Every structure is written in C-alpha cells, then in structure tokens.
Amino acid sequence: MSLRDTLRSIVENVDGGLAAMIMAYDGIPIDEVCVEQTEFDMQLLSVEYATVLKEIKSSVEVIKAGNMEEVSITTNQTCVAIRVLNDELFVVLIIKRDGNFGKGRYLLRLKSYELAEELS
C-alpha cells in the first residue's frame, strides 16, 4: 500500500476525519490526503504544529522523559493527533471536534508502523 493509500484509509475510517499528512520537523509536507475542506488552512496548521512539536520533542529530551510518541491538540473546531514515525518525520491526523478521536488515535498508532516501514 502506498503512503497516500495508507493516509486515506486512516482518514476515511474515522468519523469526522478531515485530513492526514506526513511532515518533517522543519514543516515540509511529505504526503497528504484531505477529504474535506475547512474554514482554515490545514497546511498552515500543520506547519505551525511542526514548530510546536519540535519544541516539545526537545523538552522531552532535555528532561530525559523517554522518547516522544504522540501529542494531541484539541480546539473548539478540531482534534489533532500527531504520531512520531522516526527522528525526522511524523504523521498528523486532523478530525472534526465531534468526530471519533479515540478511533483516530487508534488507527494512527496502528498504521504508524506501516507508514514508517514505507518511508525506510
């Protein structure tokens, strides 16, 4: 299965799924699938979250709390789950606020191994 197919299967199997993308910590998108347009720019959202994620990763390393695996951010419009794939890349899943965030996190965790393998 290709990266895009894997991303699409994640988004389409989550109620309220909007988009999924693989990004580098410098904010460069590697691949993405968007199944529904929103009022905000999802690309910009991901780039901004990449900056935050880089800071969180650095903080986790400084305090020696282990390896960062997942970060979630919830706003009044969306739930965003971010899962680390390797030292350079992570996958982002954007879901509507009233979507099935639990299933989204589960699928992201399940498919992150598949995505990491496809990227190696």
N, C-alpha and C. Protein backbone atom coordinates (compact mmCIF):
# COMPACT_ATOMS: atom_id res chain seq x y z
N MET A 1 0.85 -1.18 0.00
CA MET A 1 0.00 0.00 0.00
C MET A 1 0.90 1.24 0.00
N SER A 2 0.56 2.25 -0.79
CA SER A 2 1.36 3.47 -0.86
C SER A 2 1.10 4.36 0.36
N LEU A 3 1.97 5.33 0.55
CA LEU A 3 1.78 6.28 1.65
C LEU A 3 0.41 6.94 1.57
N ARG A 4 0.07 7.41 0.40
CA ARG A 4 -1.20 8.11 0.21
C ARG A 4 -2.38 7.18 0.50
N ASP A 5 -2.31 5.94 0.07
CA ASP A 5 -3.38 4.98 0.34
C ASP A 5 -3.53 4.72 1.84
N THR A 6 -2.41 4.62 2.53
CA THR A 6 -2.45 4.40 3.97
C THR A 6 -3.05 5.60 4.68
N LEU A 7 -2.63 6.81 4.29
CA LEU A 7 -3.20 8.03 4.88
C LEU A 7 -4.70 8.11 4.61
N ARG A 8 -5.09 7.81 3.37
CA ARG A 8 -6.51 7.85 3.02
C ARG A 8 -7.32 6.85 3.84
N SER A 9 -6.78 5.66 4.05
CA SER A 9 -7.51 4.66 4.82
C SER A 9 -7.71 5.11 6.26
N ILE A 10 -6.73 5.82 6.81
CA ILE A 10 -6.88 6.34 8.17
C ILE A 10 -8.00 7.37 8.22
N VAL A 11 -7.94 8.37 7.35
CA VAL A 11 -8.91 9.47 7.37
C VAL A 11 -10.32 8.97 7.07
N GLU A 12 -10.45 8.11 6.07
CA GLU A 12 -11.78 7.67 5.66
C GLU A 12 -12.43 6.70 6.65
N ASN A 13 -11.64 6.10 7.53
CA ASN A 13 -12.21 5.17 8.50
C ASN A 13 -12.45 5.79 9.87
N VAL A 14 -12.37 7.10 9.94
CA VAL A 14 -12.63 7.82 11.19
C VAL A 14 -13.79 8.78 10.96
N ASP A 15 -14.85 8.64 11.74
CA ASP A 15 -15.95 9.60 11.64
C ASP A 15 -15.42 10.99 11.94
N GLY A 16 -15.64 11.92 11.03
CA GLY A 16 -15.18 13.29 11.20
C GLY A 16 -13.76 13.52 10.72
N GLY A 17 -13.14 12.52 10.10
CA GLY A 17 -11.78 12.69 9.59
C GLY A 17 -11.72 13.74 8.51
N LEU A 18 -10.78 14.66 8.61
CA LEU A 18 -10.63 15.74 7.63
C LEU A 18 -9.39 15.56 6.76
N ALA A 19 -8.26 15.26 7.40
CA ALA A 19 -7.01 15.17 6.65
C ALA A 19 -5.98 14.39 7.45
N ALA A 20 -5.01 13.87 6.73
CA ALA A 20 -3.84 13.25 7.33
C ALA A 20 -2.65 13.62 6.48
N MET A 21 -1.53 13.86 7.13
CA MET A 21 -0.33 14.22 6.39
C MET A 21 0.92 13.76 7.11
N ILE A 22 1.93 13.46 6.33
CA ILE A 22 3.24 13.14 6.86
C ILE A 22 4.08 14.38 6.67
N MET A 23 4.76 14.78 7.76
CA MET A 23 5.54 16.01 7.71
C MET A 23 6.90 15.79 8.35
N ALA A 24 7.84 16.63 7.94
CA ALA A 24 9.15 16.67 8.57
C ALA A 24 9.11 17.72 9.68
N TYR A 25 10.03 17.62 10.62
CA TYR A 25 10.05 18.56 11.73
C TYR A 25 10.32 20.00 11.28
N ASP A 26 10.85 20.18 10.07
CA ASP A 26 11.06 21.53 9.57
C ASP A 26 9.81 22.10 8.90
N GLY A 27 8.70 21.33 8.94
CA GLY A 27 7.43 21.82 8.41
C GLY A 27 7.17 21.47 6.96
N ILE A 28 8.07 20.74 6.34
CA ILE A 28 7.89 20.36 4.93
C ILE A 28 6.99 19.13 4.84
N PRO A 29 5.87 19.25 4.09
CA PRO A 29 4.98 18.09 3.94
C PRO A 29 5.58 17.07 2.98
N ILE A 30 5.47 15.79 3.36
CA ILE A 30 5.97 14.70 2.52
C ILE A 30 4.83 14.16 1.66
N ASP A 31 3.67 13.96 2.27
CA ASP A 31 2.49 13.50 1.56
C ASP A 31 1.26 13.87 2.39
N GLU A 32 0.12 14.01 1.73
CA GLU A 32 -1.09 14.37 2.46
C GLU A 32 -2.34 13.93 1.73
N VAL A 33 -3.38 13.75 2.51
CA VAL A 33 -4.70 13.43 1.98
C VAL A 33 -5.69 14.32 2.71
N CYS A 34 -6.49 15.03 1.95
CA CYS A 34 -7.52 15.90 2.53
C CYS A 34 -8.86 15.47 1.94
N VAL A 35 -9.78 15.03 2.80
CA VAL A 35 -11.06 14.54 2.29
C VAL A 35 -12.17 15.56 2.43
N GLU A 36 -11.93 16.63 3.20
CA GLU A 36 -12.96 17.65 3.36
C GLU A 36 -12.32 19.00 3.61
N GLN A 37 -12.79 20.02 2.92
CA GLN A 37 -12.26 21.37 3.10
C GLN A 37 -12.79 21.97 4.40
N THR A 38 -11.99 22.84 4.99
CA THR A 38 -12.38 23.52 6.22
C THR A 38 -12.23 25.02 6.05
N GLU A 39 -12.65 25.75 7.08
CA GLU A 39 -12.56 27.21 7.04
C GLU A 39 -11.13 27.70 7.23
N PHE A 40 -10.26 26.86 7.73
CA PHE A 40 -8.88 27.26 7.98
C PHE A 40 -7.94 26.47 7.08
N ASP A 41 -6.73 26.93 6.98
CA ASP A 41 -5.71 26.32 6.13
C ASP A 41 -5.03 25.18 6.89
N MET A 42 -5.34 23.94 6.52
CA MET A 42 -4.78 22.78 7.21
C MET A 42 -3.28 22.67 7.01
N GLN A 43 -2.79 23.12 5.88
CA GLN A 43 -1.34 23.10 5.63
C GLN A 43 -0.63 24.02 6.61
N LEU A 44 -1.17 25.22 6.79
CA LEU A 44 -0.59 26.17 7.74
C LEU A 44 -0.68 25.64 9.16
N LEU A 45 -1.80 25.03 9.50
CA LEU A 45 -1.96 24.43 10.82
C LEU A 45 -0.85 23.42 11.08
N SER A 46 -0.59 22.56 10.13
CA SER A 46 0.43 21.53 10.29
C SER A 46 1.83 22.11 10.40
N VAL A 47 2.11 23.14 9.62
CA VAL A 47 3.42 23.77 9.69
C VAL A 47 3.62 24.41 11.07
N GLU A 48 2.61 25.08 11.57
CA GLU A 48 2.71 25.69 12.89
C GLU A 48 2.84 24.64 13.98
N TYR A 49 2.10 23.56 13.87
CA TYR A 49 2.19 22.49 14.86
C TYR A 49 3.55 21.80 14.79
N ALA A 50 4.17 21.78 13.62
CA ALA A 50 5.51 21.18 13.49
C ALA A 50 6.50 21.95 14.35
N THR A 51 6.37 23.26 14.38
CA THR A 51 7.23 24.10 15.20
C THR A 51 7.04 23.77 16.68
N VAL A 52 5.78 23.67 17.09
CA VAL A 52 5.47 23.33 18.48
C VAL A 52 5.99 21.94 18.81
N LEU A 53 5.79 21.00 17.92
CA LEU A 53 6.21 19.63 18.15
C LEU A 53 7.73 19.53 18.31
N LYS A 54 8.46 20.30 17.53
CA LYS A 54 9.91 20.31 17.65
C LYS A 54 10.33 20.78 19.04
N GLU A 55 9.64 21.78 19.57
CA GLU A 55 9.94 22.29 20.92
C GLU A 55 9.59 21.25 21.99
N ILE A 56 8.46 20.58 21.83
CA ILE A 56 8.07 19.54 22.79
C ILE A 56 9.09 18.41 22.77
N LYS A 57 9.49 17.98 21.58
CA LYS A 57 10.47 16.90 21.44
C LYS A 57 11.77 17.28 22.14
N SER A 58 12.21 18.50 21.94
CA SER A 58 13.43 18.99 22.57
C SER A 58 13.30 18.99 24.10
N SER A 59 12.15 19.43 24.60
CA SER A 59 11.92 19.46 26.04
C SER A 59 11.92 18.06 26.63
N VAL A 60 11.29 17.13 25.95
CA VAL A 60 11.24 15.74 26.42
C VAL A 60 12.66 15.16 26.49
N GLU A 61 13.50 15.49 25.52
CA GLU A 61 14.88 15.00 25.51
C GLU A 61 15.68 15.62 26.65
N VAL A 62 15.49 16.91 26.91
CA VAL A 62 16.22 17.60 27.97
C VAL A 62 15.92 17.01 29.34
N ILE A 63 14.64 16.71 29.60
CA ILE A 63 14.28 16.19 30.91
C ILE A 63 14.42 14.66 31.00
N LYS A 64 14.84 14.06 29.90
CA LYS A 64 15.07 12.61 29.84
C LYS A 64 13.83 11.81 30.25
N ALA A 65 12.70 12.18 29.65
CA ALA A 65 11.43 11.52 29.96
C ALA A 65 11.12 10.38 29.00
N GLY A 66 12.09 10.00 28.19
CA GLY A 66 11.86 8.94 27.21
C GLY A 66 11.66 9.53 25.83
N ASN A 67 11.31 8.69 24.88
CA ASN A 67 11.07 9.14 23.51
C ASN A 67 9.63 9.58 23.34
N MET A 68 9.45 10.73 22.72
CA MET A 68 8.10 11.22 22.44
C MET A 68 7.46 10.29 21.41
N GLU A 69 6.20 9.92 21.65
CA GLU A 69 5.47 9.06 20.73
C GLU A 69 4.27 9.76 20.11
N GLU A 70 3.51 10.49 20.92
CA GLU A 70 2.26 11.07 20.43
C GLU A 70 1.94 12.36 21.17
N VAL A 71 1.35 13.29 20.44
CA VAL A 71 0.88 14.55 21.01
C VAL A 71 -0.50 14.80 20.44
N SER A 72 -1.42 15.27 21.27
CA SER A 72 -2.74 15.64 20.74
C SER A 72 -3.07 17.05 21.15
N ILE A 73 -3.75 17.75 20.26
CA ILE A 73 -4.16 19.14 20.49
C ILE A 73 -5.63 19.24 20.12
N THR A 74 -6.42 19.75 21.06
CA THR A 74 -7.86 19.88 20.83
C THR A 74 -8.25 21.35 20.91
N THR A 75 -8.99 21.80 19.90
CA THR A 75 -9.53 23.16 19.90
C THR A 75 -11.06 23.05 19.82
N ASN A 76 -11.74 24.18 19.75
CA ASN A 76 -13.20 24.12 19.64
C ASN A 76 -13.67 23.69 18.25
N GLN A 77 -12.74 23.56 17.29
CA GLN A 77 -13.11 23.13 15.94
C GLN A 77 -12.55 21.76 15.56
N THR A 78 -11.36 21.45 16.05
CA THR A 78 -10.69 20.22 15.62
C THR A 78 -9.99 19.50 16.77
N CYS A 79 -9.72 18.23 16.51
CA CYS A 79 -8.83 17.43 17.34
C CYS A 79 -7.70 17.00 16.41
N VAL A 80 -6.49 17.18 16.87
CA VAL A 80 -5.32 16.83 16.06
C VAL A 80 -4.48 15.82 16.84
N ALA A 81 -4.22 14.69 16.22
CA ALA A 81 -3.34 13.69 16.80
C ALA A 81 -2.07 13.66 15.95
N ILE A 82 -0.93 13.70 16.63
CA ILE A 82 0.36 13.70 15.96
C ILE A 82 1.14 12.51 16.49
N ARG A 83 1.63 11.69 15.59
CA ARG A 83 2.36 10.47 15.98
C ARG A 83 3.74 10.49 15.32
N VAL A 84 4.77 10.28 16.11
CA VAL A 84 6.14 10.26 15.61
C VAL A 84 6.37 8.98 14.81
N LEU A 85 6.99 9.13 13.63
CA LEU A 85 7.31 7.98 12.79
C LEU A 85 8.78 7.60 12.92
N ASN A 86 9.65 8.61 12.95
CA ASN A 86 11.08 8.39 13.15
C ASN A 86 11.70 9.71 13.61
N ASP A 87 13.02 9.81 13.60
CA ASP A 87 13.68 11.02 14.09
C ASP A 87 13.42 12.25 13.23
N GLU A 88 12.95 12.06 12.02
CA GLU A 88 12.78 13.17 11.10
C GLU A 88 11.33 13.46 10.72
N LEU A 89 10.44 12.46 10.86
CA LEU A 89 9.07 12.58 10.34
C LEU A 89 8.01 12.23 11.37
N PHE A 90 6.83 12.81 11.16
CA PHE A 90 5.68 12.48 11.98
C PHE A 90 4.43 12.52 11.11
N VAL A 91 3.37 11.91 11.59
CA VAL A 91 2.10 11.89 10.87
C VAL A 91 1.07 12.67 11.69
N VAL A 92 0.26 13.44 10.99
CA VAL A 92 -0.76 14.29 11.61
C VAL A 92 -2.13 13.84 11.13
N LEU A 93 -3.06 13.68 12.05
CA LEU A 93 -4.45 13.37 11.72
C LEU A 93 -5.32 14.48 12.26
N ILE A 94 -6.10 15.10 11.38
CA ILE A 94 -7.00 16.19 11.77
C ILE A 94 -8.43 15.69 11.68
N ILE A 95 -9.16 15.84 12.78
CA ILE A 95 -10.53 15.34 12.89
C ILE A 95 -11.44 16.48 13.36
N LYS A 96 -12.68 16.48 12.89
CA LYS A 96 -13.66 17.43 13.41
C LYS A 96 -13.79 17.25 14.91
N ARG A 97 -14.14 18.31 15.60
CA ARG A 97 -14.25 18.29 17.07
C ARG A 97 -15.21 17.20 17.55
N ASP A 98 -16.29 16.98 16.80
CA ASP A 98 -17.28 15.98 17.21
C ASP A 98 -17.04 14.61 16.56
N GLY A 99 -15.87 14.44 15.95
CA GLY A 99 -15.52 13.17 15.32
C GLY A 99 -15.06 12.14 16.34
N ASN A 100 -14.71 10.97 15.86
CA ASN A 100 -14.31 9.86 16.73
C ASN A 100 -12.80 9.91 16.95
N PHE A 101 -12.39 10.75 17.90
CA PHE A 101 -10.97 10.97 18.16
C PHE A 101 -10.28 9.71 18.67
N GLY A 102 -10.96 8.93 19.48
CA GLY A 102 -10.37 7.70 20.01
C GLY A 102 -10.01 6.73 18.89
N LYS A 103 -10.92 6.55 17.95
CA LYS A 103 -10.64 5.65 16.83
C LYS A 103 -9.52 6.22 15.96
N GLY A 104 -9.52 7.53 15.80
CA GLY A 104 -8.45 8.16 15.03
C GLY A 104 -7.08 7.91 15.63
N ARG A 105 -6.96 8.07 16.94
CA ARG A 105 -5.69 7.81 17.62
C ARG A 105 -5.30 6.34 17.48
N TYR A 106 -6.28 5.46 17.60
CA TYR A 106 -6.02 4.02 17.47
C TYR A 106 -5.48 3.70 16.07
N LEU A 107 -6.16 4.17 15.03
CA LEU A 107 -5.73 3.89 13.66
C LEU A 107 -4.37 4.51 13.36
N LEU A 108 -4.14 5.70 13.90
CA LEU A 108 -2.86 6.35 13.69
C LEU A 108 -1.73 5.52 14.32
N ARG A 109 -1.95 5.03 15.53
CA ARG A 109 -0.95 4.19 16.19
C ARG A 109 -0.74 2.89 15.40
N LEU A 110 -1.83 2.28 14.99
CA LEU A 110 -1.77 1.02 14.26
C LEU A 110 -1.04 1.18 12.92
N LYS A 111 -1.37 2.21 12.17
CA LYS A 111 -0.81 2.41 10.84
C LYS A 111 0.55 3.11 10.85
N SER A 112 0.96 3.66 11.99
CA SER A 112 2.24 4.38 12.03
C SER A 112 3.40 3.43 11.74
N TYR A 113 3.30 2.18 12.13
CA TYR A 113 4.36 1.21 11.85
C TYR A 113 4.44 0.96 10.35
N GLU A 114 3.29 0.85 9.71
CA GLU A 114 3.22 0.63 8.26
C GLU A 114 3.83 1.85 7.53
N LEU A 115 3.46 3.04 7.98
CA LEU A 115 3.99 4.26 7.35
C LEU A 115 5.50 4.35 7.54
N ALA A 116 5.99 4.05 8.74
CA ALA A 116 7.42 4.11 9.00
C ALA A 116 8.18 3.13 8.10
N GLU A 117 7.61 1.95 7.91
CA GLU A 117 8.25 0.96 7.02
C GLU A 117 8.30 1.45 5.58
N GLU A 118 7.20 2.06 5.12
CA GLU A 118 7.15 2.56 3.75
C GLU A 118 8.15 3.68 3.53
N LEU A 119 8.47 4.40 4.59
CA LEU A 119 9.40 5.53 4.47
C LEU A 119 10.85 5.13 4.61
N SER A 120 11.13 3.90 5.05
CA SER A 120 12.54 3.49 5.21
C SER A 120 13.13 2.98 3.93
